[in-house]
Protein backbone atom coordinates (compact mmCIF):
# COMPACT_ATOMS: atom_id res chain seq x y z
CA MET A 1 39.30 -4.47 2.01
CA ALA A 2 38.57 -6.45 5.16
CA GLN A 3 40.59 -3.96 7.21
CA GLU A 4 38.60 -1.04 5.77
CA ALA A 5 35.33 -2.82 6.55
CA ARG A 6 36.50 -3.48 10.13
CA ARG A 7 37.53 0.15 10.53
CA PHE A 8 34.12 1.29 9.26
CA TRP A 9 32.37 -1.11 11.64
CA ASN A 10 34.38 0.23 14.57
CA TRP A 11 33.46 3.77 13.53
CA LEU A 12 29.72 3.10 13.74
CA PRO A 13 27.96 4.42 16.88
CA THR A 14 27.40 2.12 19.82
CA ASP A 15 24.68 4.37 21.23
CA VAL A 16 22.71 7.47 20.25
CA ASP A 17 25.18 10.26 19.56
CA ARG A 18 25.41 13.39 17.44
CA ARG A 19 25.72 11.38 14.23
CA VAL A 20 22.46 9.56 14.95
CA ARG A 21 20.64 12.80 15.72
CA VAL A 22 21.94 14.46 12.57
CA VAL A 23 20.96 11.59 10.28
CA ALA A 24 17.49 11.42 11.89
CA TRP A 25 16.95 15.10 11.10
CA LEU A 26 18.37 14.65 7.59
CA ASN A 27 15.89 11.85 6.97
CA LEU A 28 12.95 14.00 8.10
CA VAL A 29 14.08 17.02 6.08
CA ALA A 30 14.83 14.96 2.95
CA GLN A 31 11.44 13.23 3.09
CA THR A 32 9.79 16.66 3.21
CA VAL A 33 11.98 18.10 0.47
CA LEU A 34 11.03 15.15 -1.72
CA VAL A 35 7.41 16.26 -1.49
CA GLY A 36 8.49 19.75 -2.55
CA THR A 37 10.37 18.48 -5.59
CA GLY A 38 7.52 16.13 -6.45
CA GLY A 39 5.20 19.13 -6.28
CA ALA A 40 7.54 21.02 -8.60
CA VAL A 41 7.33 18.15 -11.10
CA ARG A 42 3.57 18.27 -11.05
CA LEU A 43 3.12 22.04 -11.00
CA THR A 44 5.51 22.67 -13.89
CA GLY A 45 3.82 20.08 -16.08
CA SER A 46 6.89 17.85 -15.91
CA GLY A 47 5.11 14.71 -14.72
CA LEU A 48 5.96 12.95 -17.96
CA GLY A 49 9.26 14.77 -18.47
CA CYS A 50 10.73 11.28 -18.30
CA PRO A 51 8.01 9.38 -20.20
CA THR A 52 9.03 5.91 -19.06
CA TRP A 53 10.41 4.08 -16.01
CA PRO A 54 12.91 3.04 -14.69
CA LYS A 55 14.71 4.68 -17.59
CA CYS A 56 14.08 8.32 -18.40
CA THR A 57 13.72 7.42 -22.08
CA ALA A 58 13.73 4.10 -23.88
CA GLU A 59 17.48 4.47 -24.46
CA SER A 60 18.71 6.55 -21.51
CA PHE A 61 18.52 6.49 -17.72
CA VAL A 62 19.14 10.25 -17.60
CA SER A 63 17.31 13.12 -19.24
CA THR A 64 18.54 14.27 -22.63
CA PRO A 65 18.89 17.84 -23.95
CA GLU A 66 15.98 17.21 -26.33
CA MET A 67 13.65 16.71 -23.34
CA GLY A 68 14.20 20.28 -22.18
CA ILE A 69 13.50 21.65 -18.70
CA HIS A 70 10.67 19.17 -18.03
CA GLY A 71 13.07 16.26 -18.37
CA VAL A 72 15.57 17.96 -16.05
CA ILE A 73 12.92 18.58 -13.37
CA GLU A 74 11.52 15.05 -13.51
CA PHE A 75 14.97 13.44 -13.54
CA GLY A 76 16.04 15.68 -10.64
CA ASN A 77 13.14 14.40 -8.57
CA ARG A 78 14.09 10.82 -9.38
CA THR A 79 17.69 11.51 -8.41
CA LEU A 80 16.59 12.71 -4.98
CA PHE A 81 15.36 9.17 -4.29
CA PHE A 82 18.99 8.01 -4.38
CA VAL A 83 19.98 10.74 -1.90
CA LEU A 84 17.14 9.68 0.35
CA GLN A 85 18.18 6.04 0.06
CA ILE A 86 21.75 6.89 1.12
CA ILE A 87 20.47 8.82 4.15
CA ALA A 88 18.14 5.93 5.06
CA ILE A 89 20.96 3.38 4.80
CA PHE A 90 23.24 5.46 7.03
CA ALA A 91 20.42 5.88 9.55
CA LEU A 92 20.06 2.10 9.64
CA LEU A 93 23.80 1.54 9.97
CA PHE A 94 24.02 4.08 12.79
CA VAL A 95 21.67 2.02 14.99
CA LEU A 96 22.85 -1.43 13.91
CA LYS A 97 25.27 -2.06 16.79
CA TYR A 98 22.73 -1.39 19.52
CA ARG A 99 19.61 -2.61 17.71
CA LYS A 100 18.73 -5.02 20.51
CA ARG A 101 18.69 -2.22 23.10
CA ARG A 102 16.95 0.22 20.80
CA ARG A 103 14.64 -1.97 18.78
CA ASP A 104 12.40 1.07 18.26
CA LEU A 105 15.13 2.94 16.39
CA PHE A 106 16.05 -0.15 14.38
CA ILE A 107 12.47 -0.53 13.13
CA LEU A 108 12.10 3.20 12.46
CA THR A 109 15.26 3.19 10.32
CA ILE A 110 14.67 -0.05 8.49
CA ILE A 111 11.25 1.13 7.28
CA PRO A 112 12.54 4.13 5.27
CA ALA A 113 15.53 2.09 4.08
CA CYS A 114 13.08 -0.32 2.44
CA SER A 115 10.22 2.06 1.67
CA VAL A 116 12.31 4.48 -0.39
CA LEU A 117 12.60 1.77 -3.04
CA PHE A 118 8.87 1.08 -2.73
CA GLN A 119 8.23 4.80 -3.15
CA ALA A 120 10.32 4.76 -6.31
CA VAL A 121 8.23 1.87 -7.66
CA VAL A 122 5.01 3.77 -6.91
CA GLY A 123 6.54 6.73 -8.71
CA GLY A 124 7.22 4.48 -11.68
CA ILE A 125 3.61 3.25 -11.66
CA THR A 126 2.52 6.89 -11.57
CA VAL A 127 4.43 7.58 -14.79
CA LEU A 128 3.35 4.35 -16.50
CA SER A 129 -0.31 5.05 -15.59
CA GLY A 130 -0.13 8.39 -17.36
CA LEU A 131 -0.34 10.31 -14.06
CA ASN A 132 -3.57 8.71 -12.89
CA PRO A 133 -4.80 11.15 -10.19
CA TYR A 134 -5.51 8.38 -7.69
CA VAL A 135 -2.05 6.85 -8.13
CA VAL A 136 -0.52 10.33 -7.81
CA GLY A 137 -2.54 10.82 -4.63
CA MET A 138 -1.34 7.49 -3.22
CA HIS A 139 2.23 8.57 -4.02
CA PHE A 140 1.73 11.75 -1.98
CA LEU A 141 0.07 9.96 0.95
CA LEU A 142 2.97 7.51 1.09
CA SER A 143 5.34 10.47 1.29
CA VAL A 144 3.31 11.97 4.14
CA THR A 145 3.45 8.64 5.97
CA LEU A 146 7.24 8.56 5.64
CA VAL A 147 7.43 12.13 6.95
CA VAL A 148 5.35 11.08 9.97
CA LEU A 149 7.65 8.13 10.63
CA GLY A 150 10.62 10.47 10.24
CA ALA A 151 9.15 12.71 12.94
CA VAL A 152 8.70 9.69 15.21
CA LEU A 153 12.35 8.75 14.62
CA VAL A 154 13.57 12.23 15.61
CA PHE A 155 11.36 12.12 18.70
CA ARG A 156 12.63 8.70 19.73
CA VAL A 157 16.26 9.66 19.19
CA TYR A 158 15.89 12.45 21.75
CA GLN A 159 13.39 10.84 24.13
CA GLY A 160 14.80 7.35 24.45
CA ASN A 161 12.80 4.16 24.88
CA ALA A 162 12.09 4.29 28.62
CA ALA A 163 8.61 3.48 29.88
CA ARG A 164 6.29 6.44 29.35
CA VAL A 165 3.36 7.66 31.41
CA ARG A 166 0.50 9.91 30.39
CA THR A 167 0.74 13.38 31.93
CA ALA A 168 -2.24 14.95 30.19
CA PRO A 169 -5.84 14.53 31.41
CA VAL A 170 -7.95 11.96 29.59
CA TRP A 171 -10.12 14.61 27.95
CA LEU A 172 -7.07 16.46 26.65
CA SER A 173 -5.58 13.26 25.25
CA ALA A 174 -8.89 12.53 23.54
CA THR A 175 -8.98 16.05 22.11
CA THR A 176 -5.44 15.69 20.77
CA HIS A 177 -6.21 12.36 19.12
CA ALA A 178 -9.37 13.86 17.64
CA ALA A 179 -7.27 16.66 16.18
CA SER A 180 -4.94 14.10 14.61
CA PHE A 181 -7.93 12.37 13.03
CA PHE A 182 -9.11 15.61 11.45
CA VAL A 183 -5.58 16.33 10.22
CA ALA A 184 -5.66 12.99 8.41
CA VAL A 185 -9.09 13.74 6.95
CA THR A 186 -7.91 17.19 5.83
CA ILE A 187 -4.93 15.71 4.00
CA VAL A 188 -6.93 12.95 2.30
CA VAL A 189 -9.64 15.36 1.13
CA GLY A 190 -6.87 17.70 0.00
CA VAL A 191 -5.48 14.93 -2.20
CA LEU A 192 -8.91 14.43 -3.80
CA THR A 193 -9.27 18.18 -4.25
CA THR A 194 -5.90 18.44 -5.98
CA GLY A 195 -6.79 15.47 -8.17
CA SER A 196 -9.83 17.38 -9.43
CA GLY A 197 -7.98 20.64 -10.03
CA PRO A 198 -5.94 22.03 -12.91
CA HIS A 199 -2.47 20.86 -11.86
CA ALA A 200 -2.32 17.42 -13.44
CA GLY A 201 1.43 17.25 -14.04
CA ASP A 202 0.92 17.03 -17.78
CA LYS A 203 -1.55 18.60 -20.23
CA GLY A 204 -2.81 15.19 -21.30
CA ALA A 205 -3.23 13.71 -17.82
CA ALA A 206 -6.76 12.87 -16.68
CA ARG A 207 -8.43 14.33 -13.61
CA ASN A 208 -10.64 12.43 -11.15
CA GLY A 209 -13.82 14.14 -12.37
CA LEU A 210 -14.95 15.39 -8.94
CA ASP A 211 -16.34 18.89 -8.35
CA SER A 212 -13.23 20.90 -7.52
CA GLU A 213 -15.03 23.97 -6.18
CA PHE A 214 -17.20 21.90 -3.83
CA LEU A 215 -14.21 19.86 -2.66
CA GLN A 216 -12.35 23.05 -1.75
CA HIS A 217 -15.10 23.83 0.75
CA VAL A 218 -15.18 20.25 2.06
CA HIS A 219 -11.40 20.37 2.42
CA SER A 220 -11.65 23.46 4.64
CA TRP A 221 -14.16 21.98 7.10
CA PRO A 222 -11.86 19.46 8.88
CA ALA A 223 -9.05 22.04 8.70
CA TYR A 224 -11.06 24.57 10.71
CA ILE A 225 -12.15 21.86 13.16
CA THR A 226 -8.48 20.96 13.63
CA LEU A 227 -7.63 24.61 14.26
CA ALA A 228 -10.36 24.92 16.92
CA LEU A 229 -9.22 21.74 18.67
CA THR A 230 -5.59 22.91 18.57
CA VAL A 231 -6.52 26.20 20.24
CA VAL A 232 -8.08 24.15 23.05
CA ILE A 233 -4.94 22.01 23.32
CA VAL A 234 -2.62 25.03 23.48
CA ALA A 235 -4.79 26.75 26.09
CA ALA A 236 -4.96 23.60 28.22
CA ALA A 237 -1.19 23.03 27.95
CA TRP A 238 -0.57 26.43 29.56
CA LEU A 239 -3.49 26.65 32.00
CA LEU A 240 -3.57 23.17 33.54
CA PRO A 241 -0.50 23.09 33.09
CA VAL A 242 0.87 20.33 30.88
CA PRO A 243 4.42 21.55 30.10
CA SER A 244 5.27 18.70 27.75
CA LEU A 245 2.57 19.86 25.34
CA ARG A 246 3.39 23.57 25.30
CA PHE A 247 6.06 23.73 22.62
CA PRO A 248 4.74 21.04 20.22
CA SER A 249 1.14 22.29 20.38
CA ALA A 250 2.24 25.90 19.83
CA LEU A 251 4.29 24.77 16.82
CA LEU A 252 1.28 22.85 15.55
CA LEU A 253 -0.91 25.95 15.87
CA VAL A 254 1.59 28.06 13.92
CA VAL A 255 1.81 25.50 11.10
CA GLU A 256 -1.97 25.26 10.93
CA GLY A 257 -2.32 29.03 10.81
CA VAL A 258 0.15 29.36 7.95
CA GLN A 259 -1.43 26.42 6.13
CA ILE A 260 -4.91 27.94 6.35
CA VAL A 261 -3.67 31.35 5.14
CA VAL A 262 -1.92 29.72 2.18
CA GLY A 263 -4.96 27.54 1.44
CA VAL A 264 -7.36 30.48 1.39
CA ALA A 265 -4.94 32.58 -0.66
CA GLN A 266 -4.41 29.90 -3.30
CA ALA A 267 -8.15 29.33 -3.66
CA ARG A 268 -8.85 33.04 -4.13
CA MET A 269 -5.89 33.62 -6.47
CA GLY A 270 -6.74 30.82 -8.88
CA LEU A 271 -4.33 28.18 -7.55
CA PRO A 272 -0.94 29.72 -8.43
CA GLU A 273 1.73 27.04 -8.65
CA ILE A 274 4.01 28.45 -5.95
CA LEU A 275 1.22 28.51 -3.35
CA VAL A 276 -0.01 25.03 -4.27
CA GLY A 277 3.53 23.68 -3.86
CA LEU A 278 3.91 25.45 -0.52
CA HIS A 279 0.56 24.03 0.56
CA MET A 280 1.82 20.50 -0.17
CA VAL A 281 4.99 20.95 1.87
CA LEU A 282 3.02 22.51 4.72
CA ALA A 283 0.75 19.44 4.72
CA CYS A 284 3.81 17.32 5.54
CA MET A 285 4.91 19.77 8.22
CA LEU A 286 1.39 19.69 9.66
CA ALA A 287 1.40 15.89 9.82
CA ALA A 288 4.83 15.91 11.50
CA ALA A 289 3.84 18.59 14.05
CA MET A 290 0.62 16.74 14.85
CA THR A 291 2.56 13.50 15.35
CA VAL A 292 5.03 15.11 17.76
CA THR A 293 2.15 16.71 19.70
CA VAL A 294 0.46 13.33 20.15
CA LEU A 295 3.76 11.77 21.26
CA HIS A 296 4.16 14.45 23.93
CA LEU A 297 0.97 13.36 25.68
CA LYS A 298 3.28 11.01 27.57
CA THR A 299 6.64 11.62 29.21
CA PRO A 300 9.37 9.20 30.32
CA ALA A 301 8.43 7.65 33.65
CA GLU A 302 11.70 8.62 35.33
CA LEU A 303 11.15 12.32 34.55
CA PRO A 304 9.00 14.49 36.81
CA ALA A 305 5.69 15.47 35.22
CA ALA A 306 6.78 19.13 35.25
CA THR A 307 9.81 18.44 33.07
CA GLU A 308 9.47 19.73 29.53
CA PRO A 309 10.84 17.08 27.15
CA ALA A 310 10.45 19.38 24.15
CA GLU A 311 13.27 21.51 25.54
CA SER A 312 15.84 19.09 24.19
CA LEU A 313 14.36 19.35 20.71
CA ARG A 314 14.47 23.13 20.81
CA SER A 315 18.09 23.22 21.93
CA ALA A 316 19.26 20.65 19.37
C-alpha cells in the first residue's frame, strides 16, 4: 500500500503540464454542465424527484423505479456532484507538489474541492425548503461563481503567475469593468425573473410573487447595455490596437449575441423548456467569457505589449 502511494505521489506533476491543463478544462466544463443538468431538473418538474436529502427517499440513497423519470433526472443531477468532486480533487492533487511556487493555482483548486460539498448542501436545502425560489436562485448563483473561478483557473494555468502590467488604456479598462458589472446585474435579475416564472421545478413549488412580465423587460436592460459596451471594447481592441483583448472580447460578443437571441425567442415563444435551459447555460458561458476578457486587460510583464496571450488558449 505504501509503495502504491509513493508511486502515485511520484506520478503527480511537479509543474504545469498537459494533465494540469486538461483537468482545469474538465473542471470548467463540468461546472457548466452541472448548471445544464440542474436546469433539466427544474424544467422537467423533477425538483422533488428525490423528495428528501441526503437520501433520495427515506429508505434509499438512489432513485427507485416507483419514482419514475423525475427520480432518475434528480438523482442523475446529484450523481454529477460526485463526478465534479473527483475532478476537483484531482485538480488539487495536480498542483500539490508545486503549491508554494503556484499559490494561485493551489487556491483556485482548493476552492472547488471544498465548495462542491457546500454546493451539495445548498442543493439539499433547496429540496428541504420545497424549492424556495430564492434558495434555488442562490444555488444557481453559486454555480455561476464556480464557473467564473473555473475560468480563472484555466486562464492562470496558461498565463502563469508572473507580474502583469496593464496594456489597455484606462478608459477601456473602465469600460470593460463596467461591462462586467452589467453582466452581474443581468444574471441576478435573470434569477429573479426565473423565480417569478412558470418553471418552478415542481407543480407545488411556490414562486417569488414578482411581476414576471415586467421583470423580463428589466432583465433585458442591463443585457443591452452590456452588448453596447462590448461592441466598444471589440472596436477598441482592433483599432487602438490592444491585441490581448481581441480574441476574448470577440468571444464575449458572440456569446452575448446568442444569449440575447435565445432570450428574446424564449420570451416570445412562451418560455419553452429547451430555450430556458439553454439560456441558463449561456449565462454561465457569458460570465466565463466576461471574466477572461477582464483578465486580458493585463499581460505578463516579460511579454511585449503586442503579444497576444489568447493565442495559447486558442491553440490548446
